[in-house]
Amino acid sequence: MGQLVLIRHGESQWNLENRFTGWVDVPLTPKGEQEARDAGKKLRAFRFDCAFTSVLVRAKETLRLVLEEIGQTMISIEENQALNERMYGELQGLNKTETAQKYGDHQVKIWRRSYDVPPPGGESLKDTAERVLPYFESRIRPALLENKTVLVVAHGNSLRSLVMQLEHLSKEAVLELNIPTGAPLWYELDASGKITGHRYL
């Protein structure tokens, strides 16, 4: 059976500062680096056949630290912007609390969590899914169907769009879905690609 492990990158500097990050390339904090190492400790029993990550440094560095922790630095790694965080447009760099004060909590929650309402000049979760899911189907699922063990390190919303598909979540259910930083989410798939088990490790 194929196995898939998803990890949202460790805490970034703008996560710490409560800012909308999107495609801005900000580094991990010391806490984020430790979250990545802790994720690696939880994965020491795994041997990955290949890994995928976005092109943003916070995801790439998380992947590097995870693989270093499990002692598996010689592995095929594919970077692709299809796995990037959703692009937050005019909200990128803004403090989330101040943005909520300006536009209202309800509006900001819709921008952050809804399926198909984009922030000004940015991507909705639906837009994000339209680049994540074809990439998953063309590059990642084939490896899983070959019974490989695959690691994907990406971002809150690119992973939300993928989890929505894997777990067949509704547009309403995905509104409340939150993927914590540095927490490995494991899936097992049968020969047809159907999910047979999943949990946080």
N, C-alpha and C. Protein backbone atom coordinates (compact mmCIF):
# COMPACT_ATOMS: atom_id res chain seq x y z
N MET A 1 0.83 -1.20 0.00
CA MET A 1 0.00 0.00 0.00
C MET A 1 0.87 1.25 0.00
N GLY A 2 0.41 2.28 -0.71
CA GLY A 2 1.12 3.54 -0.71
C GLY A 2 0.88 4.30 0.59
N GLN A 3 1.87 5.07 1.00
CA GLN A 3 1.72 5.91 2.18
C GLN A 3 2.09 7.34 1.83
N LEU A 4 1.29 8.28 2.34
CA LEU A 4 1.49 9.70 2.07
C LEU A 4 1.56 10.42 3.41
N VAL A 5 2.60 11.22 3.59
CA VAL A 5 2.71 12.06 4.79
C VAL A 5 2.74 13.53 4.34
N LEU A 6 1.81 14.31 4.88
CA LEU A 6 1.72 15.74 4.60
C LEU A 6 2.21 16.51 5.82
N ILE A 7 3.05 17.53 5.58
CA ILE A 7 3.49 18.39 6.68
C ILE A 7 3.36 19.84 6.24
N ARG A 8 2.67 20.62 7.06
CA ARG A 8 2.70 22.07 6.89
C ARG A 8 4.01 22.57 7.50
N HIS A 9 4.69 23.45 6.80
CA HIS A 9 5.97 23.98 7.26
C HIS A 9 5.89 24.46 8.70
N GLY A 10 7.04 24.51 9.39
CA GLY A 10 7.11 25.05 10.73
C GLY A 10 6.78 26.54 10.75
N GLU A 11 6.62 27.06 11.94
CA GLU A 11 6.26 28.48 12.11
C GLU A 11 7.23 29.39 11.34
N SER A 12 6.69 30.29 10.56
CA SER A 12 7.51 31.27 9.84
C SER A 12 7.52 32.59 10.60
N GLN A 13 8.40 33.47 10.16
CA GLN A 13 8.50 34.78 10.83
C GLN A 13 7.18 35.53 10.76
N TRP A 14 6.48 35.43 9.64
CA TRP A 14 5.20 36.14 9.52
C TRP A 14 4.06 35.41 10.19
N ASN A 15 4.17 34.07 10.38
CA ASN A 15 3.20 33.40 11.26
C ASN A 15 3.33 34.01 12.65
N LEU A 16 4.56 34.15 13.11
CA LEU A 16 4.82 34.71 14.44
C LEU A 16 4.27 36.12 14.55
N GLU A 17 4.42 36.92 13.49
CA GLU A 17 3.96 38.31 13.50
C GLU A 17 2.49 38.45 13.12
N ASN A 18 1.81 37.30 12.93
CA ASN A 18 0.37 37.27 12.62
C ASN A 18 0.05 38.02 11.33
N ARG A 19 0.91 37.82 10.32
CA ARG A 19 0.69 38.48 9.03
C ARG A 19 0.24 37.48 7.98
N PHE A 20 -0.50 37.99 6.98
CA PHE A 20 -0.80 37.19 5.80
C PHE A 20 0.49 37.04 4.98
N THR A 21 0.90 35.81 4.74
CA THR A 21 2.19 35.57 4.11
C THR A 21 2.07 35.31 2.62
N GLY A 22 1.24 34.33 2.24
CA GLY A 22 1.07 34.02 0.82
C GLY A 22 2.37 33.63 0.15
N TRP A 23 2.68 34.31 -0.95
CA TRP A 23 3.87 33.96 -1.74
C TRP A 23 5.12 34.73 -1.31
N VAL A 24 5.01 35.57 -0.27
CA VAL A 24 6.21 36.26 0.22
C VAL A 24 7.13 35.23 0.85
N ASP A 25 8.41 35.27 0.50
CA ASP A 25 9.33 34.21 0.89
C ASP A 25 10.00 34.55 2.21
N VAL A 26 9.34 34.20 3.31
CA VAL A 26 9.87 34.51 4.64
C VAL A 26 10.44 33.25 5.28
N PRO A 27 11.44 33.40 6.15
CA PRO A 27 12.11 32.23 6.73
C PRO A 27 11.35 31.66 7.92
N LEU A 28 11.80 30.50 8.36
CA LEU A 28 11.31 29.90 9.60
C LEU A 28 11.84 30.68 10.80
N THR A 29 11.08 30.67 11.88
CA THR A 29 11.57 31.14 13.17
C THR A 29 12.35 30.00 13.83
N PRO A 30 13.08 30.29 14.91
CA PRO A 30 13.70 29.19 15.67
C PRO A 30 12.67 28.16 16.13
N LYS A 31 11.47 28.62 16.53
CA LYS A 31 10.41 27.67 16.91
C LYS A 31 10.01 26.82 15.70
N GLY A 32 9.92 27.44 14.51
CA GLY A 32 9.57 26.70 13.31
C GLY A 32 10.61 25.65 12.95
N GLU A 33 11.88 25.99 13.15
CA GLU A 33 12.95 25.01 12.92
C GLU A 33 12.82 23.83 13.87
N GLN A 34 12.47 24.13 15.13
CA GLN A 34 12.29 23.05 16.11
C GLN A 34 11.07 22.21 15.77
N GLU A 35 10.00 22.84 15.29
CA GLU A 35 8.81 22.08 14.87
C GLU A 35 9.17 21.11 13.76
N ALA A 36 10.02 21.55 12.82
CA ALA A 36 10.44 20.67 11.73
C ALA A 36 11.25 19.49 12.27
N ARG A 37 12.15 19.77 13.19
CA ARG A 37 12.95 18.68 13.79
C ARG A 37 12.05 17.72 14.56
N ASP A 38 11.08 18.27 15.28
CA ASP A 38 10.16 17.42 16.04
C ASP A 38 9.34 16.54 15.10
N ALA A 39 8.93 17.09 13.96
CA ALA A 39 8.21 16.29 12.97
C ALA A 39 9.10 15.15 12.48
N GLY A 40 10.36 15.47 12.24
CA GLY A 40 11.30 14.43 11.83
C GLY A 40 11.43 13.32 12.85
N LYS A 41 11.45 13.67 14.13
CA LYS A 41 11.54 12.66 15.19
C LYS A 41 10.35 11.71 15.13
N LYS A 42 9.16 12.25 14.81
CA LYS A 42 7.96 11.41 14.72
C LYS A 42 7.98 10.49 13.50
N LEU A 43 8.86 10.79 12.55
CA LEU A 43 8.89 10.04 11.29
C LEU A 43 10.11 9.13 11.16
N ARG A 44 10.79 8.88 12.27
CA ARG A 44 12.02 8.10 12.19
C ARG A 44 11.79 6.65 11.75
N ALA A 45 10.58 6.15 11.93
CA ALA A 45 10.27 4.78 11.50
C ALA A 45 10.00 4.70 10.00
N PHE A 46 9.89 5.85 9.33
CA PHE A 46 9.56 5.87 7.90
C PHE A 46 10.83 5.91 7.06
N ARG A 47 10.74 5.32 5.87
CA ARG A 47 11.75 5.50 4.83
C ARG A 47 11.03 5.96 3.58
N PHE A 48 11.25 7.21 3.22
CA PHE A 48 10.53 7.81 2.10
C PHE A 48 11.22 7.49 0.78
N ASP A 49 10.41 7.24 -0.24
CA ASP A 49 10.94 6.98 -1.58
C ASP A 49 11.17 8.27 -2.35
N CYS A 50 10.37 9.30 -2.04
CA CYS A 50 10.51 10.59 -2.73
C CYS A 50 9.80 11.65 -1.91
N ALA A 51 10.12 12.91 -2.22
CA ALA A 51 9.54 14.03 -1.48
C ALA A 51 9.20 15.16 -2.45
N PHE A 52 8.18 15.92 -2.08
CA PHE A 52 7.71 17.05 -2.88
C PHE A 52 7.55 18.26 -1.97
N THR A 53 7.88 19.44 -2.50
CA THR A 53 7.74 20.66 -1.71
C THR A 53 7.44 21.83 -2.63
N SER A 54 6.98 22.92 -2.03
CA SER A 54 6.80 24.15 -2.79
C SER A 54 8.17 24.77 -3.05
N VAL A 55 8.20 25.90 -3.72
CA VAL A 55 9.47 26.58 -4.00
C VAL A 55 9.78 27.62 -2.94
N LEU A 56 8.95 27.75 -1.91
CA LEU A 56 9.14 28.76 -0.88
C LEU A 56 10.05 28.24 0.23
N VAL A 57 10.91 29.10 0.74
CA VAL A 57 12.00 28.68 1.62
C VAL A 57 11.49 28.06 2.92
N ARG A 58 10.34 28.51 3.42
CA ARG A 58 9.86 27.97 4.69
C ARG A 58 9.47 26.49 4.55
N ALA A 59 8.98 26.10 3.39
CA ALA A 59 8.67 24.69 3.15
C ALA A 59 9.93 23.89 2.84
N LYS A 60 10.81 24.45 2.01
CA LYS A 60 12.04 23.74 1.65
C LYS A 60 12.93 23.50 2.86
N GLU A 61 13.01 24.49 3.75
CA GLU A 61 13.84 24.35 4.94
C GLU A 61 13.21 23.35 5.91
N THR A 62 11.89 23.35 6.02
CA THR A 62 11.22 22.35 6.85
C THR A 62 11.53 20.95 6.33
N LEU A 63 11.43 20.75 5.03
CA LEU A 63 11.75 19.45 4.44
C LEU A 63 13.19 19.05 4.74
N ARG A 64 14.10 19.99 4.57
CA ARG A 64 15.52 19.67 4.82
C ARG A 64 15.73 19.22 6.26
N LEU A 65 15.14 19.93 7.20
CA LEU A 65 15.32 19.60 8.61
C LEU A 65 14.66 18.26 8.96
N VAL A 66 13.49 17.99 8.39
CA VAL A 66 12.83 16.70 8.62
C VAL A 66 13.70 15.55 8.13
N LEU A 67 14.20 15.66 6.90
CA LEU A 67 15.02 14.59 6.34
C LEU A 67 16.33 14.43 7.09
N GLU A 68 16.88 15.53 7.54
CA GLU A 68 18.11 15.48 8.33
C GLU A 68 17.86 14.73 9.64
N GLU A 69 16.72 14.99 10.25
CA GLU A 69 16.39 14.36 11.53
C GLU A 69 16.19 12.85 11.39
N ILE A 70 15.63 12.42 10.26
CA ILE A 70 15.41 10.98 10.10
C ILE A 70 16.60 10.30 9.40
N GLY A 71 17.64 11.09 9.10
CA GLY A 71 18.84 10.52 8.51
C GLY A 71 18.66 10.06 7.08
N GLN A 72 17.84 10.79 6.33
CA GLN A 72 17.55 10.38 4.96
C GLN A 72 17.75 11.57 4.01
N THR A 73 18.99 11.98 3.86
CA THR A 73 19.28 13.18 3.07
C THR A 73 19.45 12.88 1.58
N MET A 74 19.66 11.63 1.22
CA MET A 74 19.79 11.26 -0.20
C MET A 74 18.44 10.73 -0.69
N ILE A 75 17.63 11.62 -1.20
CA ILE A 75 16.28 11.27 -1.63
C ILE A 75 15.89 12.17 -2.78
N SER A 76 15.06 11.66 -3.67
CA SER A 76 14.56 12.46 -4.78
C SER A 76 13.58 13.52 -4.26
N ILE A 77 13.89 14.80 -4.53
CA ILE A 77 13.04 15.91 -4.09
C ILE A 77 12.61 16.71 -5.31
N GLU A 78 11.31 16.95 -5.41
CA GLU A 78 10.79 17.76 -6.50
C GLU A 78 10.15 19.02 -5.92
N GLU A 79 10.62 20.17 -6.38
CA GLU A 79 10.05 21.46 -5.97
C GLU A 79 9.14 21.99 -7.08
N ASN A 80 7.97 22.49 -6.70
CA ASN A 80 7.07 23.04 -7.71
C ASN A 80 6.18 24.10 -7.08
N GLN A 81 6.00 25.22 -7.79
CA GLN A 81 5.18 26.30 -7.24
C GLN A 81 3.70 25.94 -7.19
N ALA A 82 3.31 24.83 -7.82
CA ALA A 82 1.92 24.36 -7.69
C ALA A 82 1.57 24.08 -6.23
N LEU A 83 2.58 23.78 -5.40
CA LEU A 83 2.36 23.50 -3.99
C LEU A 83 2.50 24.73 -3.11
N ASN A 84 2.76 25.89 -3.71
CA ASN A 84 2.89 27.12 -2.93
C ASN A 84 1.63 27.42 -2.13
N GLU A 85 1.81 28.24 -1.08
CA GLU A 85 0.66 28.76 -0.35
C GLU A 85 -0.25 29.52 -1.30
N ARG A 86 -1.52 29.67 -0.92
CA ARG A 86 -2.40 30.51 -1.74
C ARG A 86 -1.85 31.94 -1.74
N MET A 87 -2.08 32.62 -2.82
CA MET A 87 -1.59 33.99 -2.95
C MET A 87 -2.66 34.93 -2.37
N TYR A 88 -2.26 35.71 -1.37
CA TYR A 88 -3.21 36.54 -0.63
C TYR A 88 -3.40 37.93 -1.22
N GLY A 89 -2.77 38.22 -2.35
CA GLY A 89 -3.03 39.48 -3.03
C GLY A 89 -2.73 40.69 -2.16
N GLU A 90 -3.70 41.59 -2.08
CA GLU A 90 -3.51 42.85 -1.36
C GLU A 90 -3.37 42.66 0.15
N LEU A 91 -3.70 41.47 0.66
CA LEU A 91 -3.57 41.22 2.10
C LEU A 91 -2.16 40.80 2.50
N GLN A 92 -1.33 40.41 1.53
CA GLN A 92 0.00 39.91 1.86
C GLN A 92 0.79 40.96 2.64
N GLY A 93 1.35 40.54 3.77
CA GLY A 93 2.13 41.44 4.61
C GLY A 93 1.32 42.16 5.67
N LEU A 94 -0.01 42.12 5.56
CA LEU A 94 -0.85 42.83 6.53
C LEU A 94 -1.03 42.01 7.79
N ASN A 95 -1.13 42.67 8.92
CA ASN A 95 -1.43 42.02 10.18
C ASN A 95 -2.88 41.54 10.17
N LYS A 96 -3.11 40.30 10.58
CA LYS A 96 -4.45 39.72 10.49
C LYS A 96 -5.43 40.40 11.44
N THR A 97 -4.97 40.76 12.63
CA THR A 97 -5.85 41.42 13.59
C THR A 97 -6.25 42.81 13.09
N GLU A 98 -5.29 43.56 12.59
CA GLU A 98 -5.59 44.89 12.06
C GLU A 98 -6.50 44.81 10.84
N THR A 99 -6.30 43.78 10.02
CA THR A 99 -7.16 43.60 8.84
C THR A 99 -8.59 43.30 9.26
N ALA A 100 -8.74 42.49 10.32
CA ALA A 100 -10.08 42.19 10.84
C ALA A 100 -10.74 43.43 11.41
N GLN A 101 -9.96 44.30 12.05
CA GLN A 101 -10.52 45.55 12.57
C GLN A 101 -11.00 46.45 11.44
N LYS A 102 -10.29 46.41 10.31
CA LYS A 102 -10.64 47.27 9.19
C LYS A 102 -11.84 46.74 8.41
N TYR A 103 -11.84 45.43 8.13
CA TYR A 103 -12.88 44.85 7.26
C TYR A 103 -13.95 44.07 8.02
N GLY A 104 -13.70 43.78 9.30
CA GLY A 104 -14.63 42.97 10.09
C GLY A 104 -14.17 41.52 10.17
N ASP A 105 -14.38 40.92 11.34
CA ASP A 105 -13.97 39.53 11.55
C ASP A 105 -14.61 38.58 10.55
N HIS A 106 -15.89 38.79 10.28
CA HIS A 106 -16.62 37.87 9.40
C HIS A 106 -16.03 37.89 7.98
N GLN A 107 -15.76 39.08 7.47
CA GLN A 107 -15.21 39.18 6.11
C GLN A 107 -13.83 38.54 6.03
N VAL A 108 -13.00 38.78 7.02
CA VAL A 108 -11.65 38.22 7.00
C VAL A 108 -11.70 36.70 7.13
N LYS A 109 -12.64 36.18 7.94
CA LYS A 109 -12.78 34.72 8.03
C LYS A 109 -13.19 34.14 6.69
N ILE A 110 -14.07 34.81 5.98
CA ILE A 110 -14.47 34.35 4.64
C ILE A 110 -13.26 34.32 3.71
N TRP A 111 -12.48 35.40 3.72
CA TRP A 111 -11.29 35.43 2.86
C TRP A 111 -10.31 34.32 3.22
N ARG A 112 -10.15 34.06 4.52
CA ARG A 112 -9.15 33.09 4.96
C ARG A 112 -9.63 31.66 4.81
N ARG A 113 -10.92 31.39 5.05
CA ARG A 113 -11.36 30.01 5.22
C ARG A 113 -12.34 29.51 4.16
N SER A 114 -13.03 30.41 3.47
CA SER A 114 -14.05 29.94 2.54
C SER A 114 -13.42 29.22 1.35
N TYR A 115 -14.24 28.54 0.60
CA TYR A 115 -13.75 27.76 -0.53
C TYR A 115 -13.54 28.61 -1.78
N ASP A 116 -14.47 29.52 -2.07
CA ASP A 116 -14.44 30.15 -3.40
C ASP A 116 -14.51 31.67 -3.38
N VAL A 117 -14.21 32.30 -2.23
CA VAL A 117 -14.18 33.77 -2.17
C VAL A 117 -12.73 34.21 -2.01
N PRO A 118 -12.14 34.84 -3.04
CA PRO A 118 -10.74 35.26 -2.94
C PRO A 118 -10.60 36.59 -2.20
N PRO A 119 -9.47 36.82 -1.53
CA PRO A 119 -9.18 38.15 -1.02
C PRO A 119 -8.88 39.08 -2.20
N PRO A 120 -8.90 40.39 -2.01
CA PRO A 120 -8.66 41.31 -3.13
C PRO A 120 -7.32 41.03 -3.82
N GLY A 121 -7.40 40.73 -5.11
CA GLY A 121 -6.19 40.49 -5.89
C GLY A 121 -5.51 39.17 -5.64
N GLY A 122 -6.16 38.28 -4.87
CA GLY A 122 -5.52 37.02 -4.51
C GLY A 122 -6.29 35.80 -4.99
N GLU A 123 -5.95 34.64 -4.40
CA GLU A 123 -6.55 33.37 -4.76
C GLU A 123 -7.52 32.91 -3.67
N SER A 124 -8.61 32.31 -4.08
CA SER A 124 -9.47 31.57 -3.16
C SER A 124 -8.88 30.17 -2.96
N LEU A 125 -9.45 29.42 -2.04
CA LEU A 125 -9.02 28.03 -1.87
C LEU A 125 -9.32 27.24 -3.14
N LYS A 126 -10.42 27.55 -3.80
CA LYS A 126 -10.76 26.90 -5.07
C LYS A 126 -9.67 27.16 -6.11
N ASP A 127 -9.20 28.41 -6.20
CA ASP A 127 -8.12 28.74 -7.14
C ASP A 127 -6.85 27.96 -6.80
N THR A 128 -6.56 27.87 -5.51
CA THR A 128 -5.38 27.14 -5.06
C THR A 128 -5.50 25.67 -5.44
N ALA A 129 -6.68 25.10 -5.21
CA ALA A 129 -6.92 23.69 -5.55
C ALA A 129 -6.74 23.43 -7.04
N GLU A 130 -7.06 24.43 -7.86
CA GLU A 130 -6.97 24.23 -9.31
C GLU A 130 -5.54 24.12 -9.80
N ARG A 131 -4.55 24.46 -8.96
CA ARG A 131 -3.16 24.18 -9.34
C ARG A 131 -2.57 23.02 -8.53
N VAL A 132 -3.04 22.87 -7.26
CA VAL A 132 -2.51 21.79 -6.42
C VAL A 132 -2.98 20.42 -6.91
N LEU A 133 -4.27 20.28 -7.19
CA LEU A 133 -4.82 18.95 -7.48
C LEU A 133 -4.32 18.36 -8.80
N PRO A 134 -4.23 19.12 -9.89
CA PRO A 134 -3.65 18.53 -11.10
C PRO A 134 -2.20 18.08 -10.90
N TYR A 135 -1.45 18.85 -10.11
CA TYR A 135 -0.07 18.47 -9.82
C TYR A 135 -0.04 17.18 -9.00
N PHE A 136 -0.92 17.08 -8.01
CA PHE A 136 -1.01 15.86 -7.22
C PHE A 136 -1.33 14.66 -8.11
N GLU A 137 -2.31 14.82 -8.99
CA GLU A 137 -2.72 13.71 -9.83
C GLU A 137 -1.63 13.29 -10.81
N SER A 138 -0.87 14.26 -11.32
CA SER A 138 0.13 13.93 -12.35
C SER A 138 1.47 13.50 -11.78
N ARG A 139 1.84 14.00 -10.59
CA ARG A 139 3.18 13.76 -10.06
C ARG A 139 3.22 12.92 -8.78
N ILE A 140 2.25 13.10 -7.91
CA ILE A 140 2.31 12.46 -6.60
C ILE A 140 1.51 11.16 -6.56
N ARG A 141 0.27 11.19 -7.03
CA ARG A 141 -0.55 9.97 -6.99
C ARG A 141 0.10 8.80 -7.72
N PRO A 142 0.75 9.00 -8.88
CA PRO A 142 1.38 7.83 -9.53
C PRO A 142 2.40 7.13 -8.63
N ALA A 143 3.14 7.89 -7.85
CA ALA A 143 4.10 7.27 -6.92
C ALA A 143 3.36 6.46 -5.85
N LEU A 144 2.25 6.98 -5.36
CA LEU A 144 1.47 6.26 -4.36
C LEU A 144 0.89 4.97 -4.92
N LEU A 145 0.48 5.01 -6.18
CA LEU A 145 -0.08 3.82 -6.82
C LEU A 145 0.99 2.76 -7.09
N GLU A 146 2.26 3.16 -7.02
CA GLU A 146 3.37 2.21 -7.11
C GLU A 146 3.80 1.74 -5.72
N ASN A 147 2.94 1.98 -4.72
CA ASN A 147 3.17 1.56 -3.33
C ASN A 147 4.38 2.24 -2.70
N LYS A 148 4.66 3.46 -3.15
CA LYS A 148 5.77 4.20 -2.57
C LYS A 148 5.31 4.97 -1.33
N THR A 149 6.29 5.34 -0.53
CA THR A 149 6.05 6.17 0.66
C THR A 149 6.52 7.58 0.32
N VAL A 150 5.59 8.53 0.36
CA VAL A 150 5.80 9.86 -0.20
C VAL A 150 5.63 10.92 0.89
N LEU A 151 6.53 11.89 0.89
CA LEU A 151 6.47 13.01 1.82
C LEU A 151 6.19 14.29 1.05
N VAL A 152 5.20 15.07 1.51
CA VAL A 152 4.88 16.36 0.90
C VAL A 152 4.95 17.43 1.99
N VAL A 153 5.80 18.43 1.78
CA VAL A 153 5.89 19.55 2.71
C VAL A 153 5.42 20.81 1.98
N ALA A 154 4.35 21.41 2.49
CA ALA A 154 3.79 22.56 1.79
C ALA A 154 3.20 23.54 2.81
N HIS A 155 2.01 24.05 2.55
CA HIS A 155 1.48 25.20 3.29
C HIS A 155 0.04 24.95 3.73
N GLY A 156 -0.43 25.80 4.64
CA GLY A 156 -1.75 25.61 5.20
C GLY A 156 -2.84 25.44 4.17
N ASN A 157 -2.88 26.32 3.18
CA ASN A 157 -3.99 26.28 2.23
C ASN A 157 -3.75 25.33 1.06
N SER A 158 -2.52 25.17 0.61
CA SER A 158 -2.29 24.17 -0.44
C SER A 158 -2.60 22.78 0.11
N LEU A 159 -2.28 22.55 1.39
CA LEU A 159 -2.60 21.26 2.01
C LEU A 159 -4.09 21.15 2.34
N ARG A 160 -4.74 22.25 2.72
CA ARG A 160 -6.20 22.20 2.93
C ARG A 160 -6.92 21.78 1.67
N SER A 161 -6.49 22.30 0.53
CA SER A 161 -7.16 21.94 -0.72
C SER A 161 -6.94 20.46 -1.05
N LEU A 162 -5.76 19.94 -0.69
CA LEU A 162 -5.48 18.53 -0.95
C LEU A 162 -6.24 17.63 0.02
N VAL A 163 -6.26 18.00 1.31
CA VAL A 163 -7.01 17.22 2.29
C VAL A 163 -8.50 17.22 1.97
N MET A 164 -9.01 18.35 1.49
CA MET A 164 -10.42 18.43 1.09
C MET A 164 -10.74 17.36 0.06
N GLN A 165 -9.83 17.18 -0.91
CA GLN A 165 -10.02 16.18 -1.96
C GLN A 165 -9.86 14.76 -1.40
N LEU A 166 -8.79 14.54 -0.63
CA LEU A 166 -8.51 13.19 -0.13
C LEU A 166 -9.62 12.69 0.79
N GLU A 167 -10.15 13.59 1.62
CA GLU A 167 -11.15 13.19 2.61
C GLU A 167 -12.58 13.52 2.19
N HIS A 168 -12.75 13.99 0.96
CA HIS A 168 -14.07 14.30 0.40
C HIS A 168 -14.85 15.25 1.31
N LEU A 169 -14.20 16.33 1.72
CA LEU A 169 -14.85 17.31 2.58
C LEU A 169 -15.72 18.25 1.75
N SER A 170 -16.80 18.70 2.34
CA SER A 170 -17.68 19.67 1.69
C SER A 170 -17.08 21.06 1.79
N LYS A 171 -17.64 21.99 1.01
CA LYS A 171 -17.21 23.39 1.09
C LYS A 171 -17.46 23.95 2.48
N GLU A 172 -18.49 23.45 3.16
CA GLU A 172 -18.80 23.92 4.51
C GLU A 172 -17.79 23.35 5.52
N ALA A 173 -17.46 22.07 5.35
CA ALA A 173 -16.53 21.43 6.30
C ALA A 173 -15.14 22.02 6.19
N VAL A 174 -14.72 22.37 4.98
CA VAL A 174 -13.36 22.89 4.81
C VAL A 174 -13.20 24.27 5.44
N LEU A 175 -14.31 24.95 5.67
CA LEU A 175 -14.27 26.26 6.31
C LEU A 175 -13.61 26.18 7.68
N GLU A 176 -13.81 25.05 8.38
CA GLU A 176 -13.29 24.90 9.74
C GLU A 176 -11.99 24.10 9.79
N LEU A 177 -11.51 23.66 8.64
CA LEU A 177 -10.30 22.83 8.62
C LEU A 177 -9.06 23.69 8.85
N ASN A 178 -8.30 23.31 9.85
CA ASN A 178 -7.04 23.98 10.14
C ASN A 178 -5.94 22.93 10.25
N ILE A 179 -4.86 23.12 9.53
CA ILE A 179 -3.74 22.18 9.57
C ILE A 179 -2.62 22.83 10.37
N PRO A 180 -2.25 22.27 11.51
CA PRO A 180 -1.22 22.90 12.35
C PRO A 180 0.17 22.80 11.73
N THR A 181 1.03 23.74 12.11
CA THR A 181 2.40 23.73 11.60
C THR A 181 3.17 22.56 12.22
N GLY A 182 3.98 21.91 11.38
CA GLY A 182 4.90 20.89 11.85
C GLY A 182 4.28 19.61 12.37
N ALA A 183 3.04 19.32 12.02
CA ALA A 183 2.36 18.12 12.51
C ALA A 183 2.17 17.14 11.35
N PRO A 184 2.90 16.03 11.32
CA PRO A 184 2.77 15.08 10.20
C PRO A 184 1.37 14.46 10.15
N LEU A 185 0.76 14.52 8.98
CA LEU A 185 -0.56 13.93 8.74
C LEU A 185 -0.37 12.76 7.79
N TRP A 186 -0.67 11.55 8.27
CA TRP A 186 -0.37 10.31 7.55
C TRP A 186 -1.62 9.74 6.89
N TYR A 187 -1.45 9.28 5.65
CA TYR A 187 -2.51 8.58 4.92
C TYR A 187 -1.96 7.26 4.39
N GLU A 188 -2.82 6.25 4.41
CA GLU A 188 -2.53 4.98 3.75
C GLU A 188 -3.54 4.80 2.62
N LEU A 189 -3.05 4.36 1.46
CA LEU A 189 -3.90 4.20 0.29
C LEU A 189 -3.81 2.78 -0.24
N ASP A 190 -4.93 2.24 -0.71
CA ASP A 190 -4.90 0.91 -1.31
C ASP A 190 -4.46 0.98 -2.76
N ALA A 191 -4.48 -0.14 -3.45
CA ALA A 191 -3.95 -0.22 -4.81
C ALA A 191 -4.73 0.64 -5.80
N SER A 192 -5.98 0.99 -5.44
CA SER A 192 -6.79 1.83 -6.33
C SER A 192 -6.63 3.32 -6.02
N GLY A 193 -5.90 3.61 -4.96
CA GLY A 193 -5.71 5.00 -4.55
C GLY A 193 -6.73 5.47 -3.52
N LYS A 194 -7.56 4.55 -3.03
CA LYS A 194 -8.55 4.91 -2.01
C LYS A 194 -7.89 4.99 -0.63
N ILE A 195 -8.28 6.01 0.16
CA ILE A 195 -7.75 6.18 1.50
C ILE A 195 -8.30 5.06 2.41
N THR A 196 -7.40 4.32 3.05
CA THR A 196 -7.81 3.26 3.96
C THR A 196 -7.52 3.61 5.42
N GLY A 197 -6.79 4.67 5.65
CA GLY A 197 -6.54 5.12 7.02
C GLY A 197 -5.83 6.45 7.01
N HIS A 198 -6.07 7.27 8.03
CA HIS A 198 -5.34 8.54 8.15
C HIS A 198 -5.38 9.04 9.58
N ARG A 199 -4.31 9.70 10.00
CA ARG A 199 -4.25 10.27 11.34
C ARG A 199 -3.04 11.18 11.45
N TYR A 200 -3.06 12.06 12.44
CA TYR A 200 -1.87 12.83 12.79
C TYR A 200 -0.93 11.93 13.58
N LEU A 201 0.33 12.01 13.28
CA LEU A 201 1.32 11.20 13.99
C LEU A 201 1.85 11.94 15.21
